[in-house]
Amino acid sequence: MRRVKICFFVVTVVVLTIAYFSGNVAAAEVTRMNRNRGHIFINEGKGAGFMKGAKVCFYSVSGEELLCGTILRTTDKYAVVKVNNRQIRKIKMGTEARLYVGKDE
């Protein structure tokens, strides 16, 4: 009976650890930019939930929201986000990109 409890405890810890860290995987990074057109290429696609028309925001290292845009194209490996080409100078290679989550009011 004691072995069953220990096994159950270990399985519970593993499942909770996986559940905790799975939410942190949904971020992508900037891999390429076309500054003239305002296109930003990110390294995640449909598999990570980046679908055409979805809103994506870019965040600094400190977690501050820099800029948001809309996905124009997406494949399994990458997505292209359209942003204001005058504000694209805020974005650098490797900047974190996450799907926009609306605020509850």
PDB file of N, CA and C in Angstrom:
ATOM      1  N   MET A   1       0.820  -1.190   0.000  1.00  0.00           N
ATOM      2  CA  MET A   1       0.000   0.000   0.000  1.00  0.00           C
ATOM      3  C   MET A   1       0.869   1.262   0.000  1.00  0.00           C
ATOM      4  N   ARG A   2       2.005   1.189   0.692  1.00  0.00           N
ATOM      5  CA  ARG A   2       2.879   2.345   0.768  1.00  0.00           C
ATOM      6  C   ARG A   2       3.495   2.661  -0.597  1.00  0.00           C
ATOM      7  N   ARG A   3       3.851   1.654  -1.372  1.00  0.00           N
ATOM      8  CA  ARG A   3       4.408   1.860  -2.707  1.00  0.00           C
ATOM      9  C   ARG A   3       3.393   2.522  -3.633  1.00  0.00           C
ATOM     10  N   VAL A   4       2.155   2.165  -3.507  1.00  0.00           N
ATOM     11  CA  VAL A   4       1.103   2.760  -4.333  1.00  0.00           C
ATOM     12  C   VAL A   4       0.986   4.260  -4.030  1.00  0.00           C
ATOM     13  N   LYS A   5       1.044   4.612  -2.752  1.00  0.00           N
ATOM     14  CA  LYS A   5       0.963   6.024  -2.375  1.00  0.00           C
ATOM     15  C   LYS A   5       2.160   6.811  -2.902  1.00  0.00           C
ATOM     16  N   ILE A   6       3.341   6.218  -2.834  1.00  0.00           N
ATOM     17  CA  ILE A   6       4.536   6.895  -3.320  1.00  0.00           C
ATOM     18  C   ILE A   6       4.454   7.091  -4.837  1.00  0.00           C
ATOM     19  N   CYS A   7       4.031   6.054  -5.541  1.00  0.00           N
ATOM     20  CA  CYS A   7       3.875   6.163  -7.001  1.00  0.00           C
ATOM     21  C   CYS A   7       2.834   7.216  -7.363  1.00  0.00           C
ATOM     22  N   PHE A   8       1.739   7.231  -6.668  1.00  0.00           N
ATOM     23  CA  PHE A   8       0.698   8.227  -6.920  1.00  0.00           C
ATOM     24  C   PHE A   8       1.226   9.635  -6.677  1.00  0.00           C
ATOM     25  N   PHE A   9       1.995   9.815  -5.619  1.00  0.00           N
ATOM     26  CA  PHE A   9       2.576  11.118  -5.300  1.00  0.00           C
ATOM     27  C   PHE A   9       3.533  11.575  -6.403  1.00  0.00           C
ATOM     28  N   VAL A  10       4.400  10.676  -6.868  1.00  0.00           N
ATOM     29  CA  VAL A  10       5.365  11.012  -7.914  1.00  0.00           C
ATOM     30  C   VAL A  10       4.646  11.380  -9.207  1.00  0.00           C
ATOM     31  N   VAL A  11       3.651  10.611  -9.591  1.00  0.00           N
ATOM     32  CA  VAL A  11       2.885  10.904 -10.811  1.00  0.00           C
ATOM     33  C   VAL A  11       2.191  12.262 -10.692  1.00  0.00           C
ATOM     34  N   THR A  12       1.652  12.574  -9.528  1.00  0.00           N
ATOM     35  CA  THR A  12       0.978  13.852  -9.314  1.00  0.00           C
ATOM     36  C   THR A  12       1.955  15.017  -9.458  1.00  0.00           C
ATOM     37  N   VAL A  13       3.135  14.888  -8.894  1.00  0.00           N
ATOM     38  CA  VAL A  13       4.141  15.943  -8.995  1.00  0.00           C
ATOM     39  C   VAL A  13       4.556  16.154 -10.448  1.00  0.00           C
ATOM     40  N   VAL A  14       4.761  15.079 -11.185  1.00  0.00           N
ATOM     41  CA  VAL A  14       5.156  15.184 -12.592  1.00  0.00           C
ATOM     42  C   VAL A  14       4.059  15.863 -13.409  1.00  0.00           C
ATOM     43  N   VAL A  15       2.821  15.484 -13.223  1.00  0.00           N
ATOM     44  CA  VAL A  15       1.709  16.074 -13.975  1.00  0.00           C
ATOM     45  C   VAL A  15       1.572  17.562 -13.655  1.00  0.00           C
ATOM     46  N   LEU A  16       1.675  17.934 -12.396  1.00  0.00           N
ATOM     47  CA  LEU A  16       1.572  19.348 -12.024  1.00  0.00           C
ATOM     48  C   LEU A  16       2.727  20.167 -12.591  1.00  0.00           C
ATOM     49  N   THR A  17       3.920  19.599 -12.622  1.00  0.00           N
ATOM     50  CA  THR A  17       5.073  20.295 -13.193  1.00  0.00           C
ATOM     51  C   THR A  17       4.880  20.530 -14.684  1.00  0.00           C
ATOM     52  N   ILE A  18       4.419  19.530 -15.383  1.00  0.00           N
ATOM     53  CA  ILE A  18       4.164  19.671 -16.826  1.00  0.00           C
ATOM     54  C   ILE A  18       3.074  20.704 -17.076  1.00  0.00           C
ATOM     55  N   ALA A  19       2.011  20.678 -16.299  1.00  0.00           N
ATOM     56  CA  ALA A  19       0.924  21.638 -16.463  1.00  0.00           C
ATOM     57  C   ALA A  19       1.390  23.061 -16.199  1.00  0.00           C
ATOM     58  N   TYR A  20       2.258  23.240 -15.225  1.00  0.00           N
ATOM     59  CA  TYR A  20       2.755  24.577 -14.884  1.00  0.00           C
ATOM     60  C   TYR A  20       3.616  25.153 -16.007  1.00  0.00           C
ATOM     61  N   PHE A  21       4.526  24.352 -16.551  1.00  0.00           N
ATOM     62  CA  PHE A  21       5.439  24.856 -17.553  1.00  0.00           C
ATOM     63  C   PHE A  21       4.876  24.842 -18.964  1.00  0.00           C
ATOM     64  N   SER A  22       3.762  24.203 -19.217  1.00  0.00           N
ATOM     65  CA  SER A  22       3.215  24.160 -20.570  1.00  0.00           C
ATOM     66  C   SER A  22       2.687  25.513 -21.007  1.00  0.00           C
ATOM     67  N   GLY A  23       2.259  26.370 -20.107  1.00  0.00           N
ATOM     68  CA  GLY A  23       1.771  27.695 -20.456  1.00  0.00           C
ATOM     69  C   GLY A  23       2.864  28.634 -20.922  1.00  0.00           C
ATOM     70  N   ASN A  24       4.094  28.368 -20.545  1.00  0.00           N
ATOM     71  CA  ASN A  24       5.206  29.230 -20.907  1.00  0.00           C
ATOM     72  C   ASN A  24       5.757  28.942 -22.298  1.00  0.00           C
ATOM     73  N   VAL A  25       5.280  27.919 -22.966  1.00  0.00           N
ATOM     74  CA  VAL A  25       5.824  27.513 -24.247  1.00  0.00           C
ATOM     75  C   VAL A  25       5.192  28.276 -25.405  1.00  0.00           C
ATOM     76  N   ALA A  26       4.106  28.980 -25.199  1.00  0.00           N
ATOM     77  CA  ALA A  26       3.350  29.607 -26.269  1.00  0.00           C
ATOM     78  C   ALA A  26       3.966  30.896 -26.790  1.00  0.00           C
ATOM     79  N   ALA A  27       5.188  31.197 -26.457  1.00  0.00           N
ATOM     80  CA  ALA A  27       5.830  32.416 -26.929  1.00  0.00           C
ATOM     81  C   ALA A  27       6.690  32.109 -28.151  1.00  0.00           C
ATOM     82  N   ALA A  28       6.802  33.096 -29.018  1.00  0.00           N
ATOM     83  CA  ALA A  28       7.629  32.969 -30.216  1.00  0.00           C
ATOM     84  C   ALA A  28       8.655  34.096 -30.206  1.00  0.00           C
ATOM     85  N   GLU A  29       9.612  34.029 -31.131  1.00  0.00           N
ATOM     86  CA  GLU A  29      10.638  35.051 -31.241  1.00  0.00           C
ATOM     87  C   GLU A  29      10.679  35.620 -32.646  1.00  0.00           C
ATOM     88  N   VAL A  30      11.103  36.863 -32.757  1.00  0.00           N
ATOM     89  CA  VAL A  30      11.260  37.525 -34.050  1.00  0.00           C
ATOM     90  C   VAL A  30      12.506  36.966 -34.721  1.00  0.00           C
ATOM     91  N   THR A  31      12.338  36.497 -35.967  1.00  0.00           N
ATOM     92  CA  THR A  31      13.470  35.939 -36.699  1.00  0.00           C
ATOM     93  C   THR A  31      13.902  36.819 -37.869  1.00  0.00           C
ATOM     94  N   ARG A  32      12.970  37.619 -38.412  1.00  0.00           N
ATOM     95  CA  ARG A  32      13.271  38.423 -39.594  1.00  0.00           C
ATOM     96  C   ARG A  32      12.295  39.588 -39.650  1.00  0.00           C
ATOM     97  N   MET A  33      12.682  40.698 -40.300  1.00  0.00           N
ATOM     98  CA  MET A  33      11.792  41.853 -40.434  1.00  0.00           C
ATOM     99  C   MET A  33      11.947  42.482 -41.805  1.00  0.00           C
ATOM    100  N   ASN A  34      10.837  43.016 -42.334  1.00  0.00           N
ATOM    101  CA  ASN A  34      10.858  43.866 -43.514  1.00  0.00           C
ATOM    102  C   ASN A  34      10.356  45.219 -43.039  1.00  0.00           C
ATOM    103  N   ARG A  35      11.262  46.113 -42.721  1.00  0.00           N
ATOM    104  CA  ARG A  35      10.907  47.397 -42.110  1.00  0.00           C
ATOM    105  C   ARG A  35      10.084  48.283 -43.038  1.00  0.00           C
ATOM    106  N   ASN A  36      10.313  48.228 -44.346  1.00  0.00           N
ATOM    107  CA  ASN A  36       9.568  49.070 -45.283  1.00  0.00           C
ATOM    108  C   ASN A  36       8.083  48.705 -45.334  1.00  0.00           C
ATOM    109  N   ARG A  37       7.790  47.430 -45.317  1.00  0.00           N
ATOM    110  CA  ARG A  37       6.396  46.972 -45.383  1.00  0.00           C
ATOM    111  C   ARG A  37       5.753  46.799 -44.015  1.00  0.00           C
ATOM    112  N   GLY A  38       6.548  46.777 -42.963  1.00  0.00           N
ATOM    113  CA  GLY A  38       6.009  46.574 -41.627  1.00  0.00           C
ATOM    114  C   GLY A  38       5.681  45.120 -41.346  1.00  0.00           C
ATOM    115  N   HIS A  39       6.450  44.197 -41.921  1.00  0.00           N
ATOM    116  CA  HIS A  39       6.230  42.762 -41.727  1.00  0.00           C
ATOM    117  C   HIS A  39       7.277  42.215 -40.752  1.00  0.00           C
ATOM    118  N   ILE A  40       6.800  41.473 -39.770  1.00  0.00           N
ATOM    119  CA  ILE A  40       7.681  40.817 -38.811  1.00  0.00           C
ATOM    120  C   ILE A  40       7.447  39.316 -38.902  1.00  0.00           C
ATOM    121  N   PHE A  41       8.511  38.544 -39.069  1.00  0.00           N
ATOM    122  CA  PHE A  41       8.435  37.090 -39.155  1.00  0.00           C
ATOM    123  C   PHE A  41       8.763  36.508 -37.789  1.00  0.00           C
ATOM    124  N   ILE A  42       7.907  35.600 -37.308  1.00  0.00           N
ATOM    125  CA  ILE A  42       8.150  34.934 -36.029  1.00  0.00           C
ATOM    126  C   ILE A  42       8.321  33.439 -36.263  1.00  0.00           C
ATOM    127  N   ASN A  43       8.998  32.763 -35.341  1.00  0.00           N
ATOM    128  CA  ASN A  43       9.395  31.367 -35.546  1.00  0.00           C
ATOM    129  C   ASN A  43       8.359  30.334 -35.093  1.00  0.00           C
ATOM    130  N   GLU A  44       7.125  30.711 -34.899  1.00  0.00           N
ATOM    131  CA  GLU A  44       6.050  29.764 -34.567  1.00  0.00           C
ATOM    132  C   GLU A  44       4.925  29.944 -35.575  1.00  0.00           C
ATOM    133  N   GLY A  45       4.138  28.889 -35.774  1.00  0.00           N
ATOM    134  CA  GLY A  45       3.059  28.947 -36.750  1.00  0.00           C
ATOM    135  C   GLY A  45       1.773  28.370 -36.218  1.00  0.00           C
ATOM    136  N   LYS A  46       1.075  27.663 -37.097  1.00  0.00           N
ATOM    137  CA  LYS A  46      -0.236  27.112 -36.762  1.00  0.00           C
ATOM    138  C   LYS A  46      -0.200  26.168 -35.572  1.00  0.00           C
ATOM    139  N   GLY A  47       0.847  25.393 -35.456  1.00  0.00           N
ATOM    140  CA  GLY A  47       0.946  24.417 -34.372  1.00  0.00           C
ATOM    141  C   GLY A  47       0.946  25.052 -32.990  1.00  0.00           C
ATOM    142  N   ALA A  48       1.414  26.287 -32.879  1.00  0.00           N
ATOM    143  CA  ALA A  48       1.463  26.982 -31.594  1.00  0.00           C
ATOM    144  C   ALA A  48       0.250  27.884 -31.392  1.00  0.00           C
ATOM    145  N   GLY A  49      -0.699  27.866 -32.332  1.00  0.00           N
ATOM    146  CA  GLY A  49      -1.920  28.652 -32.182  1.00  0.00           C
ATOM    147  C   GLY A  49      -1.912  29.989 -32.896  1.00  0.00           C
ATOM    148  N   PHE A  50      -0.868  30.293 -33.654  1.00  0.00           N
ATOM    149  CA  PHE A  50      -0.810  31.551 -34.392  1.00  0.00           C
ATOM    150  C   PHE A  50      -1.562  31.376 -35.713  1.00  0.00           C
ATOM    151  N   MET A  51      -2.803  31.861 -35.757  1.00  0.00           N
ATOM    152  CA  MET A  51      -3.666  31.704 -36.925  1.00  0.00           C
ATOM    153  C   MET A  51      -3.859  33.049 -37.621  1.00  0.00           C
ATOM    154  N   LYS A  52      -4.149  33.026 -38.914  1.00  0.00           N
ATOM    155  CA  LYS A  52      -4.352  34.234 -39.703  1.00  0.00           C
ATOM    156  C   LYS A  52      -5.452  35.093 -39.079  1.00  0.00           C
ATOM    157  N   GLY A  53      -5.179  36.387 -38.946  1.00  0.00           N
ATOM    158  CA  GLY A  53      -6.144  37.320 -38.388  1.00  0.00           C
ATOM    159  C   GLY A  53      -6.044  37.517 -36.888  1.00  0.00           C
ATOM    160  N   ALA A  54      -5.270  36.677 -36.195  1.00  0.00           N
ATOM    161  CA  ALA A  54      -5.129  36.802 -34.747  1.00  0.00           C
ATOM    162  C   ALA A  54      -4.227  37.995 -34.415  1.00  0.00           C
ATOM    163  N   LYS A  55      -4.414  38.540 -33.234  1.00  0.00           N
ATOM    164  CA  LYS A  55      -3.612  39.674 -32.787  1.00  0.00           C
ATOM    165  C   LYS A  55      -2.416  39.164 -31.991  1.00  0.00           C
ATOM    166  N   VAL A  56      -1.229  39.697 -32.311  1.00  0.00           N
ATOM    167  CA  VAL A  56       0.012  39.307 -31.656  1.00  0.00           C
ATOM    168  C   VAL A  56       0.664  40.557 -31.082  1.00  0.00           C
ATOM    169  N   CYS A  57       1.171  40.456 -29.854  1.00  0.00           N
ATOM    170  CA  CYS A  57       1.871  41.572 -29.226  1.00  0.00           C
ATOM    171  C   CYS A  57       3.325  41.187 -28.980  1.00  0.00           C
ATOM    172  N   PHE A  58       4.194  42.180 -29.051  1.00  0.00           N
ATOM    173  CA  PHE A  58       5.622  41.998 -28.846  1.00  0.00           C
ATOM    174  C   PHE A  58       6.002  42.624 -27.517  1.00  0.00           C
ATOM    175  N   TYR A  59       6.847  41.915 -26.754  1.00  0.00           N
ATOM    176  CA  TYR A  59       7.190  42.320 -25.391  1.00  0.00           C
ATOM    177  C   TYR A  59       8.689  42.461 -25.227  1.00  0.00           C
ATOM    178  N   SER A  60       9.101  43.440 -24.415  1.00  0.00           N
ATOM    179  CA  SER A  60      10.518  43.635 -24.098  1.00  0.00           C
ATOM    180  C   SER A  60      10.957  42.567 -23.102  1.00  0.00           C
ATOM    181  N   VAL A  61      12.223  42.561 -22.789  1.00  0.00           N
ATOM    182  CA  VAL A  61      12.772  41.595 -21.833  1.00  0.00           C
ATOM    183  C   VAL A  61      12.138  41.780 -20.453  1.00  0.00           C
ATOM    184  N   SER A  62      11.815  43.011 -20.106  1.00  0.00           N
ATOM    185  CA  SER A  62      11.210  43.291 -18.801  1.00  0.00           C
ATOM    186  C   SER A  62       9.722  42.985 -18.763  1.00  0.00           C
ATOM    187  N   GLY A  63       9.126  42.613 -19.894  1.00  0.00           N
ATOM    188  CA  GLY A  63       7.711  42.255 -19.935  1.00  0.00           C
ATOM    189  C   GLY A  63       6.796  43.382 -20.383  1.00  0.00           C
ATOM    190  N   GLU A  64       7.356  44.519 -20.758  1.00  0.00           N
ATOM    191  CA  GLU A  64       6.560  45.663 -21.213  1.00  0.00           C
ATOM    192  C   GLU A  64       6.084  45.431 -22.646  1.00  0.00           C
ATOM    193  N   GLU A  65       4.816  45.740 -22.910  1.00  0.00           N
ATOM    194  CA  GLU A  65       4.264  45.586 -24.252  1.00  0.00           C
ATOM    195  C   GLU A  65       4.804  46.698 -25.138  1.00  0.00           C
ATOM    196  N   LEU A  66       5.441  46.325 -26.256  1.00  0.00           N
ATOM    197  CA  LEU A  66       6.043  47.299 -27.160  1.00  0.00           C
ATOM    198  C   LEU A  66       5.118  47.684 -28.302  1.00  0.00           C
ATOM    199  N   LEU A  67       4.494  46.676 -28.930  1.00  0.00           N
ATOM    200  CA  LEU A  67       3.752  46.899 -30.159  1.00  0.00           C
ATOM    201  C   LEU A  67       2.863  45.696 -30.420  1.00  0.00           C
ATOM    202  N   CYS A  68       1.724  45.901 -31.059  1.00  0.00           N
ATOM    203  CA  CYS A  68       0.831  44.798 -31.440  1.00  0.00           C
ATOM    204  C   CYS A  68       0.542  44.875 -32.925  1.00  0.00           C
ATOM    205  N   GLY A  69       0.220  43.726 -33.517  1.00  0.00           N
ATOM    206  CA  GLY A  69      -0.101  43.662 -34.931  1.00  0.00           C
ATOM    207  C   GLY A  69      -0.991  42.468 -35.222  1.00  0.00           C
ATOM    208  N   THR A  70      -1.338  42.294 -36.496  1.00  0.00           N
ATOM    209  CA  THR A  70      -2.234  41.226 -36.938  1.00  0.00           C
ATOM    210  C   THR A  70      -1.473  40.265 -37.850  1.00  0.00           C
ATOM    211  N   ILE A  71      -1.765  38.978 -37.723  1.00  0.00           N
ATOM    212  CA  ILE A  71      -1.094  37.962 -38.543  1.00  0.00           C
ATOM    213  C   ILE A  71      -1.659  37.985 -39.956  1.00  0.00           C
ATOM    214  N   LEU A  72      -0.757  38.130 -40.934  1.00  0.00           N
ATOM    215  CA  LEU A  72      -1.134  38.123 -42.346  1.00  0.00           C
ATOM    216  C   LEU A  72      -1.121  36.726 -42.942  1.00  0.00           C
ATOM    217  N   ARG A  73      -0.007  36.004 -42.720  1.00  0.00           N
ATOM    218  CA  ARG A  73       0.184  34.655 -43.257  1.00  0.00           C
ATOM    219  C   ARG A  73       0.723  33.772 -42.163  1.00  0.00           C
ATOM    220  N   THR A  74       0.433  32.478 -42.302  1.00  0.00           N
ATOM    221  CA  THR A  74       0.979  31.530 -41.343  1.00  0.00           C
ATOM    222  C   THR A  74       1.173  30.170 -42.005  1.00  0.00           C
ATOM    223  N   THR A  75       2.224  29.475 -41.566  1.00  0.00           N
ATOM    224  CA  THR A  75       2.478  28.102 -41.989  1.00  0.00           C
ATOM    225  C   THR A  75       2.714  27.297 -40.716  1.00  0.00           C
ATOM    226  N   ASP A  76       3.141  26.066 -40.878  1.00  0.00           N
ATOM    227  CA  ASP A  76       3.443  25.248 -39.708  1.00  0.00           C
ATOM    228  C   ASP A  76       4.695  25.734 -38.983  1.00  0.00           C
ATOM    229  N   LYS A  77       5.603  26.394 -39.698  1.00  0.00           N
ATOM    230  CA  LYS A  77       6.893  26.761 -39.124  1.00  0.00           C
ATOM    231  C   LYS A  77       7.039  28.238 -38.768  1.00  0.00           C
ATOM    232  N   TYR A  78       6.288  29.136 -39.421  1.00  0.00           N
ATOM    233  CA  TYR A  78       6.441  30.563 -39.139  1.00  0.00           C
ATOM    234  C   TYR A  78       5.134  31.310 -39.402  1.00  0.00           C
ATOM    235  N   ALA A  79       5.109  32.569 -38.956  1.00  0.00           N
ATOM    236  CA  ALA A  79       3.968  33.449 -39.214  1.00  0.00           C
ATOM    237  C   ALA A  79       4.508  34.838 -39.533  1.00  0.00           C
ATOM    238  N   VAL A  80       3.733  35.608 -40.313  1.00  0.00           N
ATOM    239  CA  VAL A  80       4.096  36.971 -40.669  1.00  0.00           C
ATOM    240  C   VAL A  80       3.076  37.904 -40.031  1.00  0.00           C
ATOM    241  N   VAL A  81       3.570  38.875 -39.261  1.00  0.00           N
ATOM    242  CA  VAL A  81       2.722  39.813 -38.539  1.00  0.00           C
ATOM    243  C   VAL A  81       2.867  41.186 -39.173  1.00  0.00           C
ATOM    244  N   LYS A  82       1.738  41.851 -39.451  1.00  0.00           N
ATOM    245  CA  LYS A  82       1.728  43.204 -40.014  1.00  0.00           C
ATOM    246  C   LYS A  82       1.599  44.206 -38.872  1.00  0.00           C
ATOM    247  N   VAL A  83       2.551  45.142 -38.805  1.00  0.00           N
ATOM    248  CA  VAL A  83       2.541  46.203 -37.797  1.00  0.00           C
ATOM    249  C   VAL A  83       2.736  47.539 -38.501  1.00  0.00           C
ATOM    250  N   ASN A  84       2.588  48.619 -37.755  1.00  0.00           N
ATOM    251  CA  ASN A  84       2.831  49.957 -38.266  1.00  0.00           C
ATOM    252  C   ASN A  84       4.319  50.092 -38.559  1.00  0.00           C
ATOM    253  N   ASN A  85       4.676  50.394 -39.823  1.00  0.00           N
ATOM    254  CA  ASN A  85       6.099  50.415 -40.181  1.00  0.00           C
ATOM    255  C   ASN A  85       6.839  51.586 -39.547  1.00  0.00           C
ATOM    256  N   ARG A  86       6.163  52.554 -38.998  1.00  0.00           N
ATOM    257  CA  ARG A  86       6.844  53.649 -38.304  1.00  0.00           C
ATOM    258  C   ARG A  86       7.218  53.259 -36.879  1.00  0.00           C
ATOM    259  N   GLN A  87       6.500  52.300 -36.315  1.00  0.00           N
ATOM    260  CA  GLN A  87       6.780  51.862 -34.954  1.00  0.00           C
ATOM    261  C   GLN A  87       7.623  50.600 -34.894  1.00  0.00           C
ATOM    262  N   ILE A  88       7.946  50.026 -36.043  1.00  0.00           N
ATOM    263  CA  ILE A  88       8.693  48.766 -36.083  1.00  0.00           C
ATOM    264  C   ILE A  88      10.109  48.930 -35.530  1.00  0.00           C
ATOM    265  N   ARG A  89      10.613  50.153 -35.450  1.00  0.00           N
ATOM    266  CA  ARG A  89      11.964  50.379 -34.930  1.00  0.00           C
ATOM    267  C   ARG A  89      12.093  49.969 -33.464  1.00  0.00           C
ATOM    268  N   LYS A  90      10.970  49.814 -32.761  1.00  0.00           N
ATOM    269  CA  LYS A  90      10.996  49.371 -31.358  1.00  0.00           C
ATOM    270  C   LYS A  90      11.373  47.894 -31.233  1.00  0.00           C
ATOM    271  N   ILE A  91      11.188  47.149 -32.314  1.00  0.00           N
ATOM    272  CA  ILE A  91      11.372  45.695 -32.293  1.00  0.00           C
ATOM    273  C   ILE A  91      12.782  45.336 -32.746  1.00  0.00           C
ATOM    274  N   LYS A  92      13.381  44.392 -32.060  1.00  0.00           N
ATOM    275  CA  LYS A  92      14.708  43.891 -32.406  1.00  0.00           C
ATOM    276  C   LYS A  92      14.623  42.375 -32.642  1.00  0.00           C
ATOM    277  N   MET A  93      15.635  41.805 -33.256  1.00  0.00           N
ATOM    278  CA  MET A  93      15.675  40.367 -33.478  1.00  0.00           C
ATOM    279  C   MET A  93      15.678  39.650 -32.128  1.00  0.00           C
ATOM    280  N   GLY A  94      14.875  38.600 -31.999  1.00  0.00           N
ATOM    281  CA  GLY A  94      14.807  37.846 -30.760  1.00  0.00           C
ATOM    282  C   GLY A  94      13.767  38.357 -29.782  1.00  0.00           C
ATOM    283  N   THR A  95      13.066  39.437 -30.131  1.00  0.00           N
ATOM    284  CA  THR A  95      12.013  39.968 -29.262  1.00  0.00           C
ATOM    285  C   THR A  95      10.907  38.934 -29.116  1.00  0.00           C
ATOM    286  N   GLU A  96      10.336  38.816 -27.925  1.00  0.00           N
ATOM    287  CA  GLU A  96       9.289  37.832 -27.649  1.00  0.00           C
ATOM    288  C   GLU A  96       7.952  38.276 -28.233  1.00  0.00           C
ATOM    289  N   ALA A  97       7.237  37.335 -28.847  1.00  0.00           N
ATOM    290  CA  ALA A  97       5.911  37.587 -29.409  1.00  0.00           C
ATOM    291  C   ALA A  97       4.929  36.612 -28.786  1.00  0.00           C
ATOM    292  N   ARG A  98       3.784  37.132 -28.332  1.00  0.00           N
ATOM    293  CA  ARG A  98       2.740  36.292 -27.739  1.00  0.00           C
ATOM    294  C   ARG A  98       1.388  36.668 -28.311  1.00  0.00           C
ATOM    295  N   LEU A  99       0.489  35.703 -28.341  1.00  0.00           N
ATOM    296  CA  LEU A  99      -0.881  35.988 -28.753  1.00  0.00           C
ATOM    297  C   LEU A  99      -1.512  36.952 -27.769  1.00  0.00           C
ATOM    298  N   TYR A 100      -2.308  37.878 -28.287  1.00  0.00           N
ATOM    299  CA  TYR A 100      -2.957  38.891 -27.455  1.00  0.00           C
ATOM    300  C   TYR A 100      -4.064  38.254 -26.640  1.00  0.00           C
ATOM    301  N   VAL A 101      -4.092  38.564 -25.358  1.00  0.00           N
ATOM    302  CA  VAL A 101      -5.150  38.100 -24.464  1.00  0.00           C
ATOM    303  C   VAL A 101      -5.874  39.334 -23.978  1.00  0.00           C
ATOM    304  N   GLY A 102      -7.172  39.460 -24.294  1.00  0.00           N
ATOM    305  CA  GLY A 102      -7.945  40.626 -23.914  1.00  0.00           C
ATOM    306  C   GLY A 102      -8.072  40.776 -22.422  1.00  0.00           C
ATOM    307  N   LYS A 103      -8.156  42.000 -21.985  1.00  0.00           N
ATOM    308  CA  LYS A 103      -8.293  42.286 -20.566  1.00  0.00           C
ATOM    309  C   LYS A 103      -9.765  42.257 -20.177  1.00  0.00           C
ATOM    310  N   ASP A 104     -10.096  41.626 -19.035  1.00  0.00           N
ATOM    311  CA  ASP A 104     -11.462  41.610 -18.524  1.00  0.00           C
ATOM    312  C   ASP A 104     -11.766  42.936 -17.865  1.00  0.00           C
ATOM    313  N   GLU A 105     -12.940  43.482 -18.154  1.00  0.00           N
ATOM    314  CA  GLU A 105     -13.297  44.769 -17.559  1.00  0.00           C
ATOM    315  C   GLU A 105     -14.470  44.616 -16.642  1.00  0.00           C
TER     316      GLU A 105
END
